[in-house]
Amino acid sequence: MKGKSVCVVCRQEKKGERIEDDIYIETVRNIKRKLGIVQNNVLVVCKDCTQKAEEKRRRFERTLMTWSILAALVFVVFLFMSFSLNSILLGLVAAFFFILFAMTSYFPKVEKHGKERRTAR
């Protein structure tokens, strides 16, 4: 059973272009389902908020790329400090937290099907 369609930018009940259900959104939905607070809303981006949504997604992608590069550099630095198992594990843990930090600015991607975009009904 699907709920109402809600814009992820303005949080209003509106029709619009659906967002992709990726692993991040599926994880949040699974947690909500287990806690019994799931609303089953269809997440969309309304026409009024399309520009804002595209800018937020671009900002997230830039942030993720920046933090990923920093994570790789930190890992390499830890690796070259010493070739021990401890330095490898510490580098991996540090890289994981860098990527996790980048996910705090997450914004979902709008579904695209070829040149057309699907609209929620």
N, C-alpha and C. Protein backbone atom coordinates (compact mmCIF):
# COMPACT_ATOMS: atom_id res chain seq x y z
N MET A 1 0.84 -1.18 0.00
CA MET A 1 0.00 0.00 0.00
C MET A 1 0.89 1.25 0.00
N LYS A 2 0.73 2.07 -1.00
CA LYS A 2 1.52 3.29 -1.11
C LYS A 2 0.75 4.44 -0.50
N GLY A 3 1.49 5.35 0.13
CA GLY A 3 0.89 6.53 0.73
C GLY A 3 0.80 7.66 -0.27
N LYS A 4 0.73 8.84 0.25
CA LYS A 4 0.65 10.03 -0.60
C LYS A 4 2.01 10.37 -1.18
N SER A 5 2.02 11.16 -2.24
CA SER A 5 3.29 11.58 -2.83
C SER A 5 3.71 12.89 -2.15
N VAL A 6 4.95 12.89 -1.65
CA VAL A 6 5.46 14.02 -0.89
C VAL A 6 6.76 14.50 -1.52
N CYS A 7 6.87 15.80 -1.72
CA CYS A 7 8.08 16.40 -2.29
C CYS A 7 9.18 16.37 -1.22
N VAL A 8 10.37 15.90 -1.59
CA VAL A 8 11.47 15.80 -0.64
C VAL A 8 12.14 17.14 -0.36
N VAL A 9 11.85 18.15 -1.17
CA VAL A 9 12.45 19.46 -0.96
C VAL A 9 11.55 20.33 -0.08
N CYS A 10 10.31 20.52 -0.49
CA CYS A 10 9.41 21.42 0.25
C CYS A 10 8.55 20.68 1.27
N ARG A 11 8.58 19.35 1.26
CA ARG A 11 7.86 18.49 2.20
C ARG A 11 6.34 18.67 2.14
N GLN A 12 5.85 19.12 1.00
CA GLN A 12 4.42 19.28 0.79
C GLN A 12 3.88 18.08 0.03
N GLU A 13 2.61 17.81 0.18
CA GLU A 13 1.96 16.73 -0.57
C GLU A 13 1.67 17.24 -1.97
N LYS A 14 2.50 16.82 -2.93
CA LYS A 14 2.39 17.28 -4.31
C LYS A 14 2.73 16.14 -5.24
N LYS A 15 2.34 16.29 -6.49
CA LYS A 15 2.73 15.34 -7.53
C LYS A 15 4.01 15.85 -8.17
N GLY A 16 4.80 14.91 -8.70
CA GLY A 16 6.04 15.32 -9.32
C GLY A 16 6.83 14.14 -9.81
N GLU A 17 8.10 14.36 -10.05
CA GLU A 17 8.99 13.32 -10.55
C GLU A 17 9.49 12.48 -9.38
N ARG A 18 9.37 11.16 -9.52
CA ARG A 18 9.79 10.25 -8.45
C ARG A 18 11.29 10.29 -8.25
N ILE A 19 11.72 9.98 -7.04
CA ILE A 19 13.15 9.84 -6.79
C ILE A 19 13.49 8.36 -6.80
N GLU A 20 14.76 8.07 -7.06
CA GLU A 20 15.21 6.68 -7.12
C GLU A 20 15.27 6.10 -5.71
N ASP A 21 14.78 4.87 -5.57
CA ASP A 21 14.91 4.16 -4.31
C ASP A 21 16.25 3.47 -4.29
N ASP A 22 17.25 4.14 -3.72
CA ASP A 22 18.58 3.56 -3.64
C ASP A 22 18.78 2.90 -2.28
N ILE A 23 19.98 2.44 -2.02
CA ILE A 23 20.25 1.69 -0.79
C ILE A 23 20.04 2.55 0.45
N TYR A 24 20.33 3.84 0.36
CA TYR A 24 20.17 4.74 1.50
C TYR A 24 18.69 4.86 1.88
N ILE A 25 17.84 5.09 0.89
CA ILE A 25 16.41 5.23 1.15
C ILE A 25 15.80 3.90 1.60
N GLU A 26 16.21 2.81 0.97
CA GLU A 26 15.72 1.49 1.39
C GLU A 26 16.11 1.18 2.83
N THR A 27 17.31 1.55 3.23
CA THR A 27 17.75 1.33 4.61
C THR A 27 16.89 2.11 5.59
N VAL A 28 16.63 3.38 5.28
CA VAL A 28 15.79 4.20 6.15
C VAL A 28 14.38 3.61 6.23
N ARG A 29 13.85 3.17 5.10
CA ARG A 29 12.51 2.58 5.11
C ARG A 29 12.47 1.28 5.91
N ASN A 30 13.52 0.45 5.80
CA ASN A 30 13.56 -0.79 6.57
C ASN A 30 13.62 -0.50 8.07
N ILE A 31 14.40 0.49 8.47
CA ILE A 31 14.48 0.86 9.88
C ILE A 31 13.12 1.35 10.37
N LYS A 32 12.47 2.21 9.58
CA LYS A 32 11.15 2.71 9.96
C LYS A 32 10.12 1.59 10.04
N ARG A 33 10.22 0.62 9.12
CA ARG A 33 9.30 -0.51 9.12
C ARG A 33 9.47 -1.33 10.40
N LYS A 34 10.71 -1.56 10.79
CA LYS A 34 10.97 -2.33 12.01
C LYS A 34 10.54 -1.58 13.26
N LEU A 35 10.60 -0.25 13.23
CA LEU A 35 10.17 0.55 14.37
C LEU A 35 8.66 0.79 14.37
N GLY A 36 7.99 0.43 13.27
CA GLY A 36 6.55 0.60 13.17
C GLY A 36 6.10 2.02 12.90
N ILE A 37 6.98 2.84 12.30
CA ILE A 37 6.62 4.23 12.02
C ILE A 37 6.64 4.54 10.52
N VAL A 38 6.57 3.49 9.70
CA VAL A 38 6.62 3.66 8.26
C VAL A 38 5.34 4.34 7.76
N GLN A 39 5.48 5.28 6.80
CA GLN A 39 4.33 5.99 6.24
C GLN A 39 4.04 5.59 4.81
N ASN A 40 4.96 4.87 4.16
CA ASN A 40 4.80 4.41 2.78
C ASN A 40 4.52 5.54 1.80
N ASN A 41 5.13 6.69 2.00
CA ASN A 41 4.96 7.80 1.08
C ASN A 41 5.76 7.55 -0.19
N VAL A 42 5.26 8.06 -1.30
CA VAL A 42 5.99 8.06 -2.55
C VAL A 42 6.77 9.36 -2.57
N LEU A 43 8.09 9.26 -2.61
CA LEU A 43 8.93 10.46 -2.56
C LEU A 43 9.12 11.01 -3.97
N VAL A 44 8.83 12.29 -4.12
CA VAL A 44 8.89 12.95 -5.42
C VAL A 44 9.60 14.29 -5.28
N VAL A 45 9.87 14.92 -6.43
CA VAL A 45 10.32 16.30 -6.49
C VAL A 45 9.29 17.03 -7.34
N CYS A 46 8.61 18.01 -6.75
CA CYS A 46 7.59 18.74 -7.50
C CYS A 46 8.25 19.68 -8.51
N LYS A 47 7.47 20.15 -9.47
CA LYS A 47 8.01 21.01 -10.52
C LYS A 47 8.60 22.29 -9.97
N ASP A 48 8.00 22.83 -8.89
CA ASP A 48 8.51 24.07 -8.31
C ASP A 48 9.90 23.90 -7.70
N CYS A 49 10.21 22.71 -7.26
CA CYS A 49 11.46 22.45 -6.53
C CYS A 49 12.52 21.74 -7.36
N THR A 50 12.29 21.55 -8.65
CA THR A 50 13.23 20.80 -9.49
C THR A 50 14.62 21.42 -9.49
N GLN A 51 14.71 22.74 -9.63
CA GLN A 51 16.01 23.41 -9.65
C GLN A 51 16.74 23.22 -8.32
N LYS A 52 16.03 23.39 -7.21
CA LYS A 52 16.64 23.22 -5.90
C LYS A 52 17.13 21.79 -5.72
N ALA A 53 16.34 20.83 -6.17
CA ALA A 53 16.70 19.42 -6.03
C ALA A 53 17.95 19.10 -6.85
N GLU A 54 18.03 19.62 -8.06
CA GLU A 54 19.21 19.37 -8.89
C GLU A 54 20.45 19.98 -8.27
N GLU A 55 20.32 21.19 -7.70
CA GLU A 55 21.46 21.84 -7.05
C GLU A 55 21.89 21.06 -5.81
N LYS A 56 20.92 20.61 -5.01
CA LYS A 56 21.26 19.82 -3.82
C LYS A 56 21.94 18.52 -4.19
N ARG A 57 21.49 17.88 -5.26
CA ARG A 57 22.12 16.63 -5.69
C ARG A 57 23.55 16.89 -6.18
N ARG A 58 23.74 17.97 -6.97
CA ARG A 58 25.09 18.31 -7.43
C ARG A 58 26.02 18.60 -6.25
N ARG A 59 25.50 19.32 -5.25
CA ARG A 59 26.30 19.63 -4.06
C ARG A 59 26.68 18.34 -3.32
N PHE A 60 25.72 17.42 -3.20
CA PHE A 60 26.01 16.14 -2.54
C PHE A 60 27.08 15.36 -3.31
N GLU A 61 26.97 15.31 -4.63
CA GLU A 61 27.94 14.57 -5.43
C GLU A 61 29.34 15.18 -5.31
N ARG A 62 29.43 16.52 -5.29
CA ARG A 62 30.73 17.17 -5.10
C ARG A 62 31.30 16.86 -3.72
N THR A 63 30.45 16.93 -2.71
CA THR A 63 30.88 16.63 -1.35
C THR A 63 31.35 15.19 -1.23
N LEU A 64 30.60 14.27 -1.81
CA LEU A 64 30.99 12.86 -1.76
C LEU A 64 32.33 12.64 -2.47
N MET A 65 32.53 13.27 -3.60
CA MET A 65 33.78 13.14 -4.33
C MET A 65 34.94 13.69 -3.52
N THR A 66 34.76 14.85 -2.93
CA THR A 66 35.82 15.47 -2.12
C THR A 66 36.20 14.59 -0.94
N TRP A 67 35.20 14.12 -0.20
CA TRP A 67 35.47 13.29 0.97
C TRP A 67 36.03 11.92 0.56
N SER A 68 35.65 11.42 -0.60
CA SER A 68 36.21 10.15 -1.07
C SER A 68 37.70 10.30 -1.40
N ILE A 69 38.05 11.41 -2.01
CA ILE A 69 39.46 11.66 -2.31
C ILE A 69 40.26 11.81 -1.02
N LEU A 70 39.70 12.55 -0.06
CA LEU A 70 40.38 12.68 1.23
C LEU A 70 40.51 11.34 1.94
N ALA A 71 39.47 10.51 1.85
CA ALA A 71 39.52 9.18 2.46
C ALA A 71 40.62 8.34 1.83
N ALA A 72 40.73 8.39 0.51
CA ALA A 72 41.78 7.64 -0.17
C ALA A 72 43.17 8.14 0.24
N LEU A 73 43.31 9.45 0.36
CA LEU A 73 44.61 10.01 0.77
C LEU A 73 44.96 9.60 2.19
N VAL A 74 43.99 9.64 3.08
CA VAL A 74 44.23 9.23 4.47
C VAL A 74 44.63 7.76 4.51
N PHE A 75 43.94 6.93 3.74
CA PHE A 75 44.28 5.51 3.69
C PHE A 75 45.71 5.29 3.21
N VAL A 76 46.09 6.01 2.16
CA VAL A 76 47.44 5.87 1.61
C VAL A 76 48.48 6.35 2.63
N VAL A 77 48.19 7.44 3.33
CA VAL A 77 49.12 7.93 4.35
C VAL A 77 49.30 6.89 5.44
N PHE A 78 48.19 6.32 5.94
CA PHE A 78 48.30 5.28 6.96
C PHE A 78 49.04 4.06 6.43
N LEU A 79 48.82 3.75 5.19
CA LEU A 79 49.49 2.59 4.59
C LEU A 79 51.00 2.79 4.49
N PHE A 80 51.42 4.01 4.12
CA PHE A 80 52.85 4.27 3.99
C PHE A 80 53.54 4.55 5.32
N MET A 81 52.74 4.82 6.38
CA MET A 81 53.36 5.00 7.69
C MET A 81 54.04 3.70 8.13
N SER A 82 53.33 2.62 7.93
CA SER A 82 53.93 1.30 8.16
C SER A 82 53.04 0.28 7.46
N PHE A 83 53.64 -0.78 7.01
CA PHE A 83 52.88 -1.79 6.27
C PHE A 83 52.33 -2.86 7.21
N SER A 84 51.89 -2.45 8.37
CA SER A 84 51.34 -3.41 9.32
C SER A 84 49.84 -3.54 9.14
N LEU A 85 49.30 -4.59 9.70
CA LEU A 85 47.86 -4.82 9.66
C LEU A 85 47.12 -3.72 10.40
N ASN A 86 47.70 -3.24 11.49
CA ASN A 86 47.07 -2.16 12.26
C ASN A 86 46.91 -0.89 11.44
N SER A 87 47.91 -0.52 10.69
CA SER A 87 47.82 0.70 9.90
C SER A 87 46.80 0.54 8.76
N ILE A 88 46.73 -0.65 8.20
CA ILE A 88 45.74 -0.90 7.14
C ILE A 88 44.34 -0.80 7.72
N LEU A 89 44.11 -1.44 8.87
CA LEU A 89 42.78 -1.38 9.50
C LEU A 89 42.43 0.04 9.93
N LEU A 90 43.38 0.75 10.51
CA LEU A 90 43.14 2.13 10.92
C LEU A 90 42.84 3.01 9.71
N GLY A 91 43.54 2.79 8.61
CA GLY A 91 43.28 3.54 7.39
C GLY A 91 41.90 3.24 6.83
N LEU A 92 41.49 1.97 6.86
CA LEU A 92 40.15 1.61 6.38
C LEU A 92 39.06 2.21 7.27
N VAL A 93 39.25 2.17 8.57
CA VAL A 93 38.27 2.75 9.49
C VAL A 93 38.16 4.25 9.29
N ALA A 94 39.30 4.91 9.15
CA ALA A 94 39.29 6.36 8.92
C ALA A 94 38.60 6.68 7.59
N ALA A 95 38.90 5.92 6.55
CA ALA A 95 38.27 6.14 5.24
C ALA A 95 36.76 5.92 5.34
N PHE A 96 36.35 4.89 6.08
CA PHE A 96 34.92 4.62 6.26
C PHE A 96 34.24 5.81 6.92
N PHE A 97 34.85 6.39 7.95
CA PHE A 97 34.24 7.53 8.63
C PHE A 97 34.22 8.78 7.75
N PHE A 98 35.20 8.95 6.89
CA PHE A 98 35.18 10.07 5.94
C PHE A 98 33.98 9.93 4.99
N ILE A 99 33.76 8.73 4.47
CA ILE A 99 32.63 8.50 3.56
C ILE A 99 31.31 8.65 4.32
N LEU A 100 31.26 8.15 5.53
CA LEU A 100 30.06 8.28 6.36
C LEU A 100 29.75 9.75 6.61
N PHE A 101 30.77 10.54 6.85
CA PHE A 101 30.58 11.97 7.04
C PHE A 101 30.01 12.63 5.78
N ALA A 102 30.48 12.19 4.62
CA ALA A 102 29.97 12.75 3.36
C ALA A 102 28.49 12.43 3.18
N MET A 103 28.05 11.29 3.71
CA MET A 103 26.64 10.89 3.56
C MET A 103 25.69 11.75 4.39
N THR A 104 26.21 12.58 5.28
CA THR A 104 25.33 13.46 6.05
C THR A 104 24.68 14.52 5.16
N SER A 105 25.26 14.78 4.01
CA SER A 105 24.66 15.75 3.08
C SER A 105 23.91 15.06 1.94
N TYR A 106 23.51 13.81 2.15
CA TYR A 106 22.86 13.01 1.10
C TYR A 106 21.60 13.70 0.57
N PHE A 107 21.42 13.63 -0.74
CA PHE A 107 20.17 14.04 -1.37
C PHE A 107 19.89 13.06 -2.50
N PRO A 108 18.66 12.53 -2.58
CA PRO A 108 18.36 11.47 -3.55
C PRO A 108 18.36 11.98 -4.99
N LYS A 109 18.52 11.02 -5.90
CA LYS A 109 18.55 11.30 -7.33
C LYS A 109 17.14 11.15 -7.90
N VAL A 110 16.78 12.02 -8.83
CA VAL A 110 15.48 11.95 -9.49
C VAL A 110 15.54 10.87 -10.55
N GLU A 111 14.50 10.03 -10.61
CA GLU A 111 14.45 8.94 -11.60
C GLU A 111 14.42 9.52 -13.00
N LYS A 112 15.17 8.89 -13.89
CA LYS A 112 15.14 9.28 -15.30
C LYS A 112 15.02 8.00 -16.10
N HIS A 113 14.12 8.00 -17.04
CA HIS A 113 13.91 6.85 -17.92
C HIS A 113 14.11 7.33 -19.34
N GLY A 114 15.32 7.17 -19.82
CA GLY A 114 15.62 7.67 -21.16
C GLY A 114 15.57 9.19 -21.13
N LYS A 115 14.83 9.77 -22.06
CA LYS A 115 14.67 11.21 -22.08
C LYS A 115 13.45 11.65 -21.29
N GLU A 116 12.57 10.70 -20.98
CA GLU A 116 11.37 11.03 -20.22
C GLU A 116 11.60 10.80 -18.74
N ARG A 117 10.81 11.47 -17.95
CA ARG A 117 10.83 11.25 -16.51
C ARG A 117 9.43 10.79 -16.11
N ARG A 118 9.39 9.82 -15.22
CA ARG A 118 8.11 9.28 -14.77
C ARG A 118 7.52 10.20 -13.70
N THR A 119 6.22 10.44 -13.79
CA THR A 119 5.53 11.29 -12.84
C THR A 119 4.69 10.44 -11.92
N ALA A 120 4.75 10.74 -10.60
CA ALA A 120 3.93 10.00 -9.64
C ALA A 120 2.48 10.43 -9.78
N ARG A 121 1.58 9.47 -9.61
CA ARG A 121 0.15 9.79 -9.75
C ARG A 121 -0.52 9.88 -8.43
